[in-house]
N, C-alpha and C. Protein backbone atom coordinates (compact mmCIF):
# COMPACT_ATOMS: atom_id res chain seq x y z
N UNK A 1 7.00 37.94 4.74
CA UNK A 1 7.42 36.78 5.54
C UNK A 1 6.20 36.16 6.15
N UNK A 2 5.71 34.99 5.94
CA UNK A 2 4.69 34.32 6.54
C UNK A 2 4.92 33.56 7.67
N UNK A 3 4.31 33.59 8.83
CA UNK A 3 4.72 32.81 10.18
C UNK A 3 4.55 31.49 10.17
N UNK A 4 5.17 30.74 11.03
CA UNK A 4 4.82 29.20 10.89
C UNK A 4 3.52 28.90 11.40
N UNK A 5 2.78 29.93 12.16
CA UNK A 5 1.38 29.42 12.51
C UNK A 5 0.56 29.76 11.34
N UNK A 6 0.66 30.88 10.59
CA UNK A 6 -0.17 31.00 9.54
C UNK A 6 -0.03 29.86 8.34
N UNK A 7 1.34 29.33 8.20
CA UNK A 7 1.35 28.32 7.38
C UNK A 7 0.69 27.10 7.87
N UNK A 8 0.83 26.55 9.01
CA UNK A 8 0.22 25.46 9.45
C UNK A 8 -1.30 25.60 9.17
N UNK A 9 -1.96 26.79 9.59
CA UNK A 9 -3.44 27.08 9.47
C UNK A 9 -3.70 26.80 7.86
N UNK A 10 -2.88 27.45 7.01
CA UNK A 10 -3.07 27.41 5.54
C UNK A 10 -3.05 25.85 5.30
N UNK A 11 -2.04 24.93 5.75
CA UNK A 11 -2.19 23.63 5.44
C UNK A 11 -3.50 22.82 5.92
N UNK A 12 -4.00 23.11 7.04
CA UNK A 12 -5.23 22.66 7.52
C UNK A 12 -6.30 23.13 6.63
N UNK A 13 -6.54 24.27 6.25
CA UNK A 13 -7.57 24.74 5.38
C UNK A 13 -7.43 23.84 3.99
N UNK A 14 -6.32 23.73 3.39
CA UNK A 14 -6.18 23.05 2.04
C UNK A 14 -6.73 21.43 2.35
N UNK A 15 -6.30 21.05 3.40
CA UNK A 15 -6.58 19.31 3.52
C UNK A 15 -8.23 19.36 3.73
N UNK A 16 -8.66 20.30 4.69
CA UNK A 16 -10.14 20.15 5.25
C UNK A 16 -11.00 20.36 3.67
N UNK A 17 -10.39 21.36 3.08
CA UNK A 17 -11.28 21.75 1.81
C UNK A 17 -11.33 20.59 0.90
N UNK A 18 -10.15 19.75 0.77
CA UNK A 18 -10.10 18.38 0.08
C UNK A 18 -11.21 17.48 0.65
N UNK A 19 -11.39 17.35 1.88
CA UNK A 19 -12.25 16.45 2.70
C UNK A 19 -13.79 16.70 2.05
N UNK A 20 -13.81 17.87 2.05
CA UNK A 20 -15.27 18.25 1.51
C UNK A 20 -15.66 17.83 0.06
N UNK A 21 -14.69 17.43 -0.83
CA UNK A 21 -14.80 17.13 -2.07
C UNK A 21 -15.14 15.51 -2.25
N UNK A 22 -15.03 14.82 -1.05
CA UNK A 22 -15.16 13.30 -1.13
C UNK A 22 -16.44 13.02 -0.75
N UNK A 23 -17.04 12.13 -1.66
CA UNK A 23 -18.42 11.77 -1.21
C UNK A 23 -18.48 10.37 -1.83
N UNK A 24 -19.58 9.58 -1.12
CA UNK A 24 -19.88 8.37 -1.49
C UNK A 24 -19.93 7.89 -2.95
N UNK A 25 -20.68 8.83 -3.63
CA UNK A 25 -21.04 8.72 -5.01
C UNK A 25 -19.69 9.31 -6.05
N UNK A 26 -18.76 9.71 -5.57
CA UNK A 26 -17.71 10.36 -6.35
C UNK A 26 -17.06 9.08 -7.25
N UNK A 27 -16.74 9.28 -8.42
CA UNK A 27 -16.03 8.07 -9.25
C UNK A 27 -14.84 7.68 -8.51
N UNK A 28 -14.52 6.35 -8.68
CA UNK A 28 -13.68 5.74 -7.94
C UNK A 28 -12.30 6.34 -8.29
N UNK A 29 -11.99 6.75 -9.57
CA UNK A 29 -10.79 7.23 -9.90
C UNK A 29 -10.45 8.68 -9.29
N UNK A 30 -11.54 9.25 -9.12
CA UNK A 30 -11.55 10.72 -8.58
C UNK A 30 -11.22 10.70 -7.06
N UNK A 31 -12.04 9.52 -6.30
CA UNK A 31 -11.72 9.35 -5.08
C UNK A 31 -10.29 9.04 -4.68
N UNK A 32 -9.68 8.16 -5.50
CA UNK A 32 -8.31 7.89 -5.37
C UNK A 32 -7.54 8.97 -5.57
N UNK A 33 -7.76 9.92 -6.43
CA UNK A 33 -6.89 11.07 -6.47
C UNK A 33 -7.07 11.89 -5.25
N UNK A 34 -8.29 12.02 -4.73
CA UNK A 34 -8.32 12.92 -3.65
C UNK A 34 -7.68 12.45 -2.43
N UNK A 35 -7.79 11.20 -2.32
CA UNK A 35 -7.11 10.33 -1.36
C UNK A 35 -5.56 10.50 -1.32
N UNK A 36 -5.15 10.31 -2.36
CA UNK A 36 -3.56 10.48 -2.66
C UNK A 36 -3.01 12.05 -2.31
N UNK A 37 -4.14 12.94 -2.88
CA UNK A 37 -3.94 14.40 -2.69
C UNK A 37 -3.60 14.51 -1.02
N UNK A 38 -4.62 13.94 -0.19
CA UNK A 38 -4.58 14.21 1.31
C UNK A 38 -3.41 13.62 1.89
N UNK A 39 -3.20 12.26 1.44
CA UNK A 39 -2.25 11.50 2.21
C UNK A 39 -0.66 12.40 2.01
N UNK A 40 -0.43 12.82 0.72
CA UNK A 40 0.62 13.32 0.49
C UNK A 40 0.65 14.73 1.42
N UNK A 41 -0.46 15.42 1.33
CA UNK A 41 -0.26 16.61 2.22
C UNK A 41 -0.02 16.48 3.67
N UNK A 42 -0.78 15.47 4.16
CA UNK A 42 -0.91 15.05 5.62
C UNK A 42 0.74 14.87 6.11
N UNK A 43 1.29 13.90 5.16
CA UNK A 43 2.63 13.36 5.35
C UNK A 43 3.59 14.38 5.54
N UNK A 44 3.54 15.52 4.52
CA UNK A 44 4.75 16.61 4.51
C UNK A 44 4.20 17.45 5.66
N UNK A 45 3.11 17.67 5.87
CA UNK A 45 2.57 18.66 7.09
C UNK A 45 3.17 18.00 8.45
N UNK A 46 2.98 16.66 8.56
CA UNK A 46 3.33 16.04 9.86
C UNK A 46 4.88 16.16 9.99
N UNK A 47 5.55 15.85 9.02
CA UNK A 47 7.05 15.97 8.94
C UNK A 47 7.65 17.37 9.35
N UNK A 48 6.93 18.24 8.74
CA UNK A 48 7.33 19.80 8.95
C UNK A 48 7.13 20.20 10.40
N UNK A 49 6.03 19.58 11.00
CA UNK A 49 5.65 19.99 12.38
C UNK A 49 6.67 19.04 13.51
N UNK A 50 6.73 17.99 12.92
CA UNK A 50 7.79 17.10 13.56
C UNK A 50 9.21 17.86 13.88
N UNK A 51 9.56 18.29 12.87
CA UNK A 51 10.87 18.75 12.70
C UNK A 51 11.21 19.97 13.08
N UNK A 52 10.33 20.92 12.91
CA UNK A 52 10.26 22.42 13.32
C UNK A 52 9.43 22.86 14.20
N UNK A 53 8.27 22.72 14.17
CA UNK A 53 7.26 23.34 15.11
C UNK A 53 7.22 22.53 16.44
N UNK A 54 6.96 21.57 16.45
CA UNK A 54 6.82 20.77 17.85
C UNK A 54 8.25 21.09 18.71
N UNK A 55 9.47 20.93 18.35
CA UNK A 55 10.59 21.23 18.87
C UNK A 55 10.81 22.57 19.54
N UNK A 56 10.44 23.31 18.74
CA UNK A 56 10.39 24.77 19.16
C UNK A 56 9.42 25.20 20.18
N UNK A 57 8.09 24.42 20.11
CA UNK A 57 7.22 24.73 21.10
C UNK A 57 7.60 23.98 22.45
N UNK A 58 8.20 22.83 22.39
CA UNK A 58 8.51 22.21 23.54
C UNK A 58 9.66 22.78 24.63
N UNK A 59 10.27 23.95 23.76
CA UNK A 59 11.26 24.67 24.60
C UNK A 59 10.69 25.43 25.60
N UNK A 60 9.28 26.00 25.31
CA UNK A 60 8.49 26.85 26.05
C UNK A 60 7.16 26.20 26.74
N UNK A 61 6.93 25.00 26.42
CA UNK A 61 5.47 24.51 26.58
C UNK A 61 5.58 23.08 27.01
N UNK A 62 4.76 22.70 27.67
CA UNK A 62 4.73 21.02 28.38
C UNK A 62 3.44 20.76 28.19
N UNK A 63 2.51 21.30 27.46
CA UNK A 63 1.02 20.91 27.58
C UNK A 63 0.92 19.48 26.95
N UNK A 64 -0.39 19.08 27.64
CA UNK A 64 -0.88 17.71 27.07
C UNK A 64 -0.94 17.63 25.52
N UNK A 65 -1.74 18.55 25.02
CA UNK A 65 -1.89 18.56 23.47
C UNK A 65 -0.63 18.32 22.81
N UNK A 66 0.36 19.05 23.34
CA UNK A 66 1.79 19.06 22.54
C UNK A 66 2.09 17.48 22.69
N UNK A 67 2.11 16.97 23.93
CA UNK A 67 2.72 15.45 24.20
C UNK A 67 2.00 14.54 23.30
N UNK A 68 0.82 14.77 23.04
CA UNK A 68 -0.12 13.84 22.27
C UNK A 68 0.05 13.81 20.80
N UNK A 69 0.45 15.12 20.36
CA UNK A 69 0.75 15.24 18.98
C UNK A 69 1.26 14.33 17.88
N UNK A 70 2.46 13.79 18.45
CA UNK A 70 3.29 13.10 17.57
C UNK A 70 2.42 11.69 17.56
N UNK A 71 2.01 11.00 18.56
CA UNK A 71 1.37 9.85 18.53
C UNK A 71 0.23 9.92 17.64
N UNK A 72 -0.54 11.14 17.59
CA UNK A 72 -1.63 11.09 16.73
C UNK A 72 -1.13 11.17 15.28
N UNK A 73 -0.08 11.79 15.02
CA UNK A 73 0.52 11.81 13.55
C UNK A 73 0.83 10.29 13.31
N UNK A 74 1.36 9.71 14.18
CA UNK A 74 1.78 8.13 13.95
C UNK A 74 0.48 7.50 13.26
N UNK A 75 -0.74 7.51 14.09
CA UNK A 75 -1.81 6.99 14.03
C UNK A 75 -2.39 7.47 12.47
N UNK A 76 -2.14 8.60 12.01
CA UNK A 76 -2.65 9.14 11.00
C UNK A 76 -1.74 8.22 9.71
N UNK A 77 -0.45 8.27 9.95
CA UNK A 77 0.57 7.45 9.05
C UNK A 77 0.01 6.10 8.79
N UNK A 78 -0.24 5.48 9.91
CA UNK A 78 -0.61 4.19 9.73
C UNK A 78 -1.81 3.98 8.79
N UNK A 79 -2.87 4.79 8.87
CA UNK A 79 -3.90 4.76 8.16
C UNK A 79 -3.53 5.14 6.73
N UNK A 80 -2.59 6.13 6.48
CA UNK A 80 -2.01 6.58 5.24
C UNK A 80 -1.38 5.49 4.47
N UNK A 81 -0.70 4.47 5.18
CA UNK A 81 0.00 3.41 4.65
C UNK A 81 -0.96 2.38 4.10
N UNK A 82 -2.05 2.19 4.98
CA UNK A 82 -3.24 1.45 4.31
C UNK A 82 -3.95 1.95 3.12
N UNK A 83 -4.14 3.06 3.15
CA UNK A 83 -4.74 3.84 2.03
C UNK A 83 -3.78 3.58 0.69
N UNK A 84 -2.76 3.67 0.81
CA UNK A 84 -1.71 3.69 -0.38
C UNK A 84 -1.68 2.10 -1.04
N UNK A 85 -1.94 1.17 0.09
CA UNK A 85 -2.00 -0.10 -0.59
C UNK A 85 -3.18 -0.49 -1.29
N UNK A 86 -4.36 0.28 -1.06
CA UNK A 86 -5.67 -0.17 -1.71
C UNK A 86 -6.00 0.47 -2.92
N UNK A 87 -6.70 -0.19 -3.82
CA UNK A 87 -6.99 -0.29 -5.23
C UNK A 87 -8.19 0.96 -4.96
N UNK A 88 -8.39 1.40 -6.01
CA UNK A 88 -9.59 2.40 -6.28
C UNK A 88 -11.13 1.95 -6.08
N UNK A 89 -10.87 0.41 -6.44
CA UNK A 89 -12.41 -0.16 -6.26
C UNK A 89 -12.41 -1.13 -4.78
N UNK A 90 -11.31 -0.86 -3.94
CA UNK A 90 -11.52 -1.61 -2.67
C UNK A 90 -12.64 -1.23 -1.73
N UNK A 91 -13.38 -2.18 -1.29
CA UNK A 91 -14.63 -2.00 -0.40
C UNK A 91 -14.27 -1.12 0.89
N UNK A 92 -13.10 -1.42 1.27
CA UNK A 92 -12.73 -0.60 2.61
C UNK A 92 -12.19 0.69 2.25
N UNK A 93 -11.97 1.14 1.15
CA UNK A 93 -11.38 2.48 0.92
C UNK A 93 -12.10 3.51 1.67
N UNK A 94 -13.40 3.71 1.35
CA UNK A 94 -14.09 4.75 2.04
C UNK A 94 -14.09 4.92 3.66
N UNK A 95 -14.43 3.74 4.23
CA UNK A 95 -14.45 3.53 5.52
C UNK A 95 -12.85 3.99 6.06
N UNK A 96 -11.90 3.54 5.62
CA UNK A 96 -10.40 3.75 5.91
C UNK A 96 -10.04 5.33 5.74
N UNK A 97 -10.75 5.84 4.44
CA UNK A 97 -10.74 7.27 4.44
C UNK A 97 -11.38 8.01 5.46
N UNK A 98 -12.56 7.60 5.83
CA UNK A 98 -13.30 8.27 6.82
C UNK A 98 -12.74 8.53 8.19
N UNK A 99 -11.99 7.33 8.45
CA UNK A 99 -11.11 7.08 9.67
C UNK A 99 -10.18 8.04 9.57
N UNK A 100 -9.43 8.44 8.63
CA UNK A 100 -8.35 9.32 8.42
C UNK A 100 -8.88 10.81 8.69
N UNK A 101 -10.11 11.00 7.92
CA UNK A 101 -10.59 12.22 8.25
C UNK A 101 -10.99 12.68 9.68
N UNK A 102 -11.38 11.52 10.37
CA UNK A 102 -11.69 11.55 11.83
C UNK A 102 -10.50 12.17 12.50
N UNK A 103 -9.36 11.58 12.26
CA UNK A 103 -8.36 11.70 13.03
C UNK A 103 -7.61 13.13 12.62
N UNK A 104 -7.37 13.40 11.50
CA UNK A 104 -7.08 14.63 10.94
C UNK A 104 -7.85 15.75 11.52
N UNK A 105 -9.29 15.73 11.53
CA UNK A 105 -10.02 16.71 12.01
C UNK A 105 -9.90 17.09 13.66
N UNK A 106 -9.86 16.06 14.31
CA UNK A 106 -9.52 15.94 15.66
C UNK A 106 -8.33 16.55 16.04
N UNK A 107 -7.24 16.34 15.48
CA UNK A 107 -6.13 16.79 15.45
C UNK A 107 -5.81 18.25 15.13
N UNK A 108 -6.45 18.59 13.89
CA UNK A 108 -6.58 20.19 13.54
C UNK A 108 -7.20 20.88 14.63
N UNK A 109 -8.28 20.30 15.15
CA UNK A 109 -9.03 21.17 16.28
C UNK A 109 -8.22 21.43 17.51
N UNK A 110 -7.54 20.50 17.81
CA UNK A 110 -6.45 20.48 19.06
C UNK A 110 -5.53 21.69 18.77
N UNK A 111 -4.89 21.52 17.44
CA UNK A 111 -3.73 22.63 17.16
C UNK A 111 -4.42 23.99 16.99
N UNK A 112 -5.40 24.00 16.32
CA UNK A 112 -6.18 25.55 16.19
C UNK A 112 -6.66 25.90 17.42
N UNK A 113 -7.09 25.31 18.21
CA UNK A 113 -7.62 25.90 19.77
C UNK A 113 -6.53 25.94 21.02
N UNK A 114 -5.49 25.02 20.71
CA UNK A 114 -4.48 25.16 21.81
C UNK A 114 -3.11 25.34 21.30
N UNK A 115 -2.62 24.63 20.54
CA UNK A 115 -1.09 24.97 20.25
C UNK A 115 -0.87 25.98 19.18
N UNK A 116 -1.68 26.58 18.40
CA UNK A 116 -1.20 27.59 17.57
C UNK A 116 -1.33 29.04 18.52
N UNK A 117 -2.38 29.10 19.00
CA UNK A 117 -2.63 30.28 20.09
C UNK A 117 -1.49 30.28 21.21
N UNK A 118 -1.04 29.07 21.68
CA UNK A 118 0.08 28.89 22.62
C UNK A 118 1.25 29.35 22.03
N UNK A 119 1.57 28.92 20.63
CA UNK A 119 2.77 29.43 20.13
C UNK A 119 2.79 30.88 19.86
N UNK A 120 1.80 31.34 19.49
CA UNK A 120 1.69 32.84 19.08
C UNK A 120 1.84 33.71 20.32
N UNK A 121 1.62 33.12 21.30
CA UNK A 121 1.87 33.88 22.65
C UNK A 121 3.29 33.64 23.44
N UNK A 122 3.89 32.31 23.08
CA UNK A 122 5.08 32.05 23.74
C UNK A 122 6.26 32.37 22.72
N UNK A 123 6.08 32.19 21.52
CA UNK A 123 6.95 32.21 20.35
C UNK A 123 6.88 33.38 19.55
N UNK A 124 6.37 34.43 19.65
CA UNK A 124 6.02 35.56 18.90
C UNK A 124 7.09 36.04 18.14
N UNK A 125 8.34 36.34 18.95
CA UNK A 125 9.40 36.69 18.06
C UNK A 125 10.14 35.88 17.21
N UNK A 126 9.58 34.44 17.25
CA UNK A 126 10.50 33.40 16.60
C UNK A 126 9.46 32.95 15.35
N UNK A 127 8.12 33.41 15.24
CA UNK A 127 7.33 32.91 14.37
C UNK A 127 7.66 33.02 12.77
N UNK A 128 8.11 34.15 12.55
CA UNK A 128 8.56 34.31 11.30
C UNK A 128 9.85 33.77 10.76
N UNK A 129 10.77 33.58 11.67
CA UNK A 129 12.00 32.62 11.39
C UNK A 129 11.87 31.27 11.13
N UNK A 130 10.96 30.66 12.05
CA UNK A 130 10.43 29.40 11.76
C UNK A 130 9.55 29.29 10.57
N UNK A 131 8.76 30.20 10.21
CA UNK A 131 8.14 30.05 9.08
C UNK A 131 9.04 29.92 7.79
N UNK A 132 10.23 30.72 7.72
CA UNK A 132 11.22 30.75 6.68
C UNK A 132 11.72 29.18 6.51
N UNK A 133 12.05 28.87 7.95
CA UNK A 133 12.58 27.35 7.84
C UNK A 133 11.61 26.35 7.36
N UNK A 134 10.53 26.56 7.74
CA UNK A 134 9.37 25.44 7.26
C UNK A 134 9.31 25.54 5.93
N UNK A 135 9.59 26.83 5.10
CA UNK A 135 9.17 27.22 3.79
C UNK A 135 10.40 26.21 2.97
N UNK A 136 11.73 26.44 3.57
CA UNK A 136 12.87 25.82 2.92
C UNK A 136 12.60 24.38 2.86
N UNK A 137 12.34 23.74 4.13
CA UNK A 137 12.09 22.38 4.43
C UNK A 137 11.13 21.78 3.32
N UNK A 138 10.03 22.61 3.41
CA UNK A 138 8.92 22.07 2.57
C UNK A 138 9.50 21.79 0.99
N UNK A 139 10.19 22.97 0.35
CA UNK A 139 10.87 22.69 -0.78
C UNK A 139 11.70 21.49 -0.93
N UNK A 140 12.40 21.08 -0.02
CA UNK A 140 13.20 20.08 -0.14
C UNK A 140 12.45 18.44 0.06
N UNK A 141 11.28 18.66 0.84
CA UNK A 141 10.40 17.41 0.86
C UNK A 141 9.40 17.26 -0.31
N UNK A 142 9.00 18.30 -0.98
CA UNK A 142 8.15 18.40 -2.13
C UNK A 142 8.73 17.91 -3.62
N UNK A 143 10.28 18.27 -3.44
CA UNK A 143 10.90 18.49 -5.00
C UNK A 143 10.89 16.93 -5.46
N UNK A 144 11.20 15.85 -4.73
CA UNK A 144 11.18 14.47 -5.43
C UNK A 144 9.79 13.80 -5.45
N UNK A 145 8.77 14.60 -5.07
CA UNK A 145 7.37 14.17 -5.19
C UNK A 145 6.48 14.90 -6.25
N UNK A 146 7.08 15.58 -7.18
CA UNK A 146 6.57 16.32 -8.08
C UNK A 146 5.46 15.55 -9.07
N UNK A 147 5.97 14.22 -9.37
CA UNK A 147 5.51 13.45 -10.35
C UNK A 147 4.19 12.94 -9.60
N UNK A 148 4.31 12.52 -8.16
CA UNK A 148 3.42 12.01 -7.38
C UNK A 148 2.05 13.05 -7.34
N UNK A 149 2.60 14.26 -7.11
CA UNK A 149 1.52 15.29 -6.91
C UNK A 149 0.74 15.49 -8.27
N UNK A 150 1.22 15.45 -9.34
CA UNK A 150 0.92 15.86 -10.38
C UNK A 150 -0.10 14.87 -10.94
N UNK A 151 0.34 13.38 -10.75
CA UNK A 151 -0.63 12.31 -10.84
C UNK A 151 -1.78 12.30 -9.88
N UNK A 152 -1.80 12.79 -8.70
CA UNK A 152 -2.83 12.94 -8.00
C UNK A 152 -3.90 13.94 -8.29
N UNK A 153 -3.22 15.09 -8.74
CA UNK A 153 -4.00 16.23 -9.11
C UNK A 153 -4.84 15.90 -10.21
N UNK A 154 -4.11 15.11 -11.29
CA UNK A 154 -4.83 14.56 -12.67
C UNK A 154 -6.02 13.89 -12.24
N UNK A 155 -5.91 12.76 -11.53
CA UNK A 155 -7.03 11.96 -10.92
C UNK A 155 -8.18 12.46 -10.45
N UNK A 156 -7.79 13.55 -9.43
CA UNK A 156 -8.89 14.05 -8.75
C UNK A 156 -9.52 15.27 -9.19
N UNK A 157 -8.97 15.78 -10.42
CA UNK A 157 -9.69 17.36 -10.87
C UNK A 157 -11.07 17.13 -11.37
N UNK A 158 -11.74 16.51 -10.85
CA UNK A 158 -13.36 16.28 -11.55
C UNK A 158 -13.93 17.87 -11.65
N UNK A 159 -13.39 18.97 -12.27
CA UNK A 159 -13.94 20.13 -11.98
C UNK A 159 -14.00 20.88 -10.92
N UNK A 160 -12.78 20.42 -10.07
CA UNK A 160 -12.52 20.99 -8.66
C UNK A 160 -11.66 22.10 -8.69
N UNK A 161 -12.22 23.25 -8.58
CA UNK A 161 -11.32 24.58 -8.57
C UNK A 161 -10.25 24.37 -7.24
N UNK A 162 -11.22 24.06 -6.02
CA UNK A 162 -10.52 24.07 -4.81
C UNK A 162 -9.45 23.28 -4.73
N UNK A 163 -9.56 22.11 -5.33
CA UNK A 163 -8.48 20.98 -5.21
C UNK A 163 -7.03 21.47 -6.10
N UNK A 164 -7.54 22.06 -7.35
CA UNK A 164 -6.48 22.77 -7.88
C UNK A 164 -5.63 23.74 -7.00
N UNK A 165 -6.44 24.60 -6.30
CA UNK A 165 -5.90 25.42 -5.41
C UNK A 165 -4.81 24.83 -4.44
N UNK A 166 -5.43 23.57 -3.98
CA UNK A 166 -4.34 22.76 -3.14
C UNK A 166 -3.31 22.23 -3.48
N UNK A 167 -3.42 22.01 -4.71
CA UNK A 167 -1.94 21.20 -5.50
C UNK A 167 -1.12 22.59 -5.82
N UNK A 168 -1.82 23.73 -6.30
CA UNK A 168 -0.92 24.65 -6.66
C UNK A 168 0.03 25.11 -5.50
N UNK A 169 -0.58 25.11 -4.27
CA UNK A 169 -0.10 25.58 -2.94
C UNK A 169 0.99 24.73 -2.67
N UNK A 170 0.87 23.35 -2.84
CA UNK A 170 1.77 22.37 -2.59
C UNK A 170 3.19 22.61 -3.61
N UNK A 171 2.66 22.64 -4.84
CA UNK A 171 3.84 22.89 -5.82
C UNK A 171 4.48 24.15 -5.90
N UNK A 172 4.04 25.18 -5.09
CA UNK A 172 4.70 26.33 -5.19
C UNK A 172 5.93 26.39 -4.59
N UNK A 173 6.32 25.68 -3.64
CA UNK A 173 7.79 25.98 -3.03
C UNK A 173 8.87 25.24 -3.98
N UNK A 174 8.26 24.33 -5.16
CA UNK A 174 9.27 23.79 -5.79
C UNK A 174 9.52 24.57 -6.95
N UNK A 175 9.00 25.40 -7.51
CA UNK A 175 9.18 26.07 -8.64
C UNK A 175 10.44 26.94 -8.61
N UNK A 176 10.97 27.43 -7.55
CA UNK A 176 12.09 28.16 -7.84
C UNK A 176 13.30 27.54 -8.29
N UNK A 177 13.37 26.23 -7.90
CA UNK A 177 14.67 25.31 -8.23
C UNK A 177 14.48 24.36 -9.42
N UNK A 178 13.08 23.90 -9.46
CA UNK A 178 13.28 22.81 -10.60
C UNK A 178 12.15 23.17 -11.55
N UNK A 179 12.38 24.03 -12.39
CA UNK A 179 11.39 24.47 -13.38
C UNK A 179 10.93 23.30 -14.31
N UNK A 180 12.22 22.75 -15.04
CA UNK A 180 12.23 21.74 -16.12
C UNK A 180 11.55 20.36 -15.46
N UNK A 181 12.15 19.78 -14.22
CA UNK A 181 11.55 18.72 -13.90
C UNK A 181 9.96 18.58 -13.59
N UNK A 182 9.61 20.09 -13.23
CA UNK A 182 8.16 20.30 -12.92
C UNK A 182 7.26 20.02 -14.38
N UNK A 183 7.93 20.80 -15.30
CA UNK A 183 7.28 20.63 -16.47
C UNK A 183 7.04 19.42 -17.15
N UNK A 184 7.92 18.75 -16.89
CA UNK A 184 8.17 17.38 -17.38
C UNK A 184 6.91 16.51 -16.42
N UNK A 185 7.10 16.56 -15.30
CA UNK A 185 5.95 15.75 -14.57
C UNK A 185 4.64 16.24 -14.91
N UNK A 186 4.42 17.42 -15.08
CA UNK A 186 3.00 17.83 -15.15
C UNK A 186 2.38 17.61 -16.52
N UNK A 187 3.18 17.21 -17.52
CA UNK A 187 2.85 16.85 -18.73
C UNK A 187 1.45 15.77 -18.88
N UNK A 188 1.45 14.77 -18.22
CA UNK A 188 0.36 13.97 -18.23
C UNK A 188 -0.83 14.56 -17.65
N UNK A 189 -0.54 15.67 -16.38
CA UNK A 189 -1.84 16.12 -15.87
C UNK A 189 -2.46 17.19 -16.71
N UNK A 190 -1.64 17.65 -17.50
CA UNK A 190 -2.07 18.93 -18.44
C UNK A 190 -3.06 18.29 -19.43
N UNK A 191 -2.58 17.04 -19.96
CA UNK A 191 -3.19 16.28 -21.15
C UNK A 191 -4.76 15.98 -20.38
N UNK A 192 -4.66 15.27 -19.23
CA UNK A 192 -5.86 15.02 -18.57
C UNK A 192 -6.99 16.01 -18.23
N UNK A 193 -6.31 17.21 -17.69
CA UNK A 193 -7.16 18.32 -17.25
C UNK A 193 -7.51 19.19 -18.29
N UNK A 194 -7.00 18.88 -19.59
CA UNK A 194 -7.08 19.96 -20.69
C UNK A 194 -6.41 21.44 -20.22
N UNK A 195 -5.46 21.44 -21.10
CA UNK A 195 -4.36 22.49 -20.91
C UNK A 195 -5.16 24.00 -20.46
N UNK A 196 -6.07 24.43 -21.66
CA UNK A 196 -6.54 25.56 -21.62
C UNK A 196 -7.45 25.77 -20.48
N UNK A 197 -8.18 24.84 -20.10
CA UNK A 197 -9.05 25.14 -18.91
C UNK A 197 -8.26 25.14 -17.59
N UNK A 198 -7.14 24.20 -17.53
CA UNK A 198 -6.30 24.40 -16.39
C UNK A 198 -5.66 25.98 -16.15
N UNK A 199 -5.23 26.42 -17.28
CA UNK A 199 -4.68 27.67 -17.25
C UNK A 199 -5.70 28.78 -16.92
N UNK A 200 -6.87 28.67 -17.49
CA UNK A 200 -8.00 29.64 -17.15
C UNK A 200 -8.20 29.67 -15.68
N UNK A 201 -8.19 28.57 -15.05
CA UNK A 201 -8.59 28.22 -13.57
C UNK A 201 -7.59 28.79 -12.72
N UNK A 202 -6.08 28.47 -13.17
CA UNK A 202 -5.19 28.81 -12.39
C UNK A 202 -5.10 30.43 -12.26
N UNK A 203 -5.30 31.04 -13.36
CA UNK A 203 -5.33 32.49 -13.36
C UNK A 203 -6.32 33.23 -12.42
N UNK A 204 -7.54 32.46 -12.58
CA UNK A 204 -8.76 33.07 -11.60
C UNK A 204 -8.35 32.84 -10.28
N UNK A 205 -7.69 31.66 -9.81
CA UNK A 205 -7.39 31.40 -8.58
C UNK A 205 -6.03 32.20 -8.06
N UNK A 206 -5.46 32.90 -9.13
CA UNK A 206 -4.22 33.58 -8.61
C UNK A 206 -4.12 34.94 -9.19
N UNK A 207 -5.01 35.94 -8.80
CA UNK A 207 -5.11 37.20 -9.24
C UNK A 207 -3.80 37.91 -9.03
N UNK A 208 -3.18 38.67 -10.07
CA UNK A 208 -2.19 39.30 -9.92
C UNK A 208 -1.01 38.77 -10.41
N UNK A 209 -1.13 37.32 -10.30
CA UNK A 209 -0.04 36.24 -10.85
C UNK A 209 1.35 36.53 -10.25
N UNK A 210 1.31 36.42 -8.76
CA UNK A 210 2.49 36.61 -7.97
C UNK A 210 3.65 35.77 -8.62
N UNK A 211 5.02 36.41 -8.37
CA UNK A 211 6.12 35.88 -9.05
C UNK A 211 6.14 34.41 -9.11
N UNK A 212 6.21 33.69 -7.88
CA UNK A 212 6.33 32.28 -7.90
C UNK A 212 5.33 31.49 -8.56
N UNK A 213 3.93 31.91 -8.76
CA UNK A 213 2.95 31.12 -9.66
C UNK A 213 3.05 31.59 -11.05
N UNK A 214 3.59 32.71 -11.25
CA UNK A 214 3.82 33.27 -12.69
C UNK A 214 4.75 31.95 -13.30
N UNK A 215 5.59 31.71 -12.73
CA UNK A 215 6.38 30.58 -13.27
C UNK A 215 5.60 29.21 -13.66
N UNK A 216 4.82 28.91 -12.81
CA UNK A 216 4.00 27.69 -13.21
C UNK A 216 3.07 28.09 -14.45
N UNK A 217 2.60 29.28 -14.55
CA UNK A 217 1.77 29.68 -15.59
C UNK A 217 2.53 29.64 -16.95
N UNK A 218 3.93 30.17 -16.90
CA UNK A 218 4.62 30.20 -17.95
C UNK A 218 4.94 28.87 -18.43
N UNK A 219 5.34 27.80 -17.39
CA UNK A 219 5.68 26.62 -17.84
C UNK A 219 4.51 25.85 -18.48
N UNK A 220 3.27 26.01 -18.15
CA UNK A 220 1.93 25.47 -18.61
C UNK A 220 1.57 26.10 -19.89
N UNK A 221 2.20 27.41 -20.00
CA UNK A 221 1.78 28.15 -21.61
C UNK A 221 2.79 27.43 -22.62
N UNK A 222 3.75 27.09 -22.19
CA UNK A 222 4.96 26.55 -23.26
C UNK A 222 4.71 25.37 -23.84
N UNK A 223 3.91 24.56 -23.18
CA UNK A 223 3.56 23.51 -23.69
C UNK A 223 2.65 23.19 -24.81
């Protein structure tokens, strides 16, 4: 079982890795895919923290970092709303995304240096239980967003294996209950990314083919 603090760190790592793929010279279509992937990841992550992590931590802590966390989420959501309305060729796209990068990076630094160590000190017996709750809730939140995620992956996968890893991690929670809808939603992404290349990359990224991810590979193999 994975603790809630480990899951939060994994989310941080995935988003920061995606940030590193965004450059001024990146094609507009790929930029939009990267942005959409980040926006979805941040939205889901923020909701999970607000519903599960922050309430649990508030029971044992009154730190200033915790008090300002949700207002910081609100600022991120405002930027995300603006980014969702922008076209791929909008001249303000880059600067708005860089603003989101700064917000997220500052927020991650506070959580990694203050909130997560605090939770591991004060909530140690509860971390695995909270992690299980977060996993269940992530499945619920991601299930209706399968198509959105697949489209973002297709636009952003300009040879980026790191971004594929991000997408697979987000998809993982949905595979248990929704194999057929997932296969349908991924059809367009498979065509764009070239099925054989995607399968080979997935296998390289997932040595041992753990049970949950094996379902994804079987679904893709059957198309």
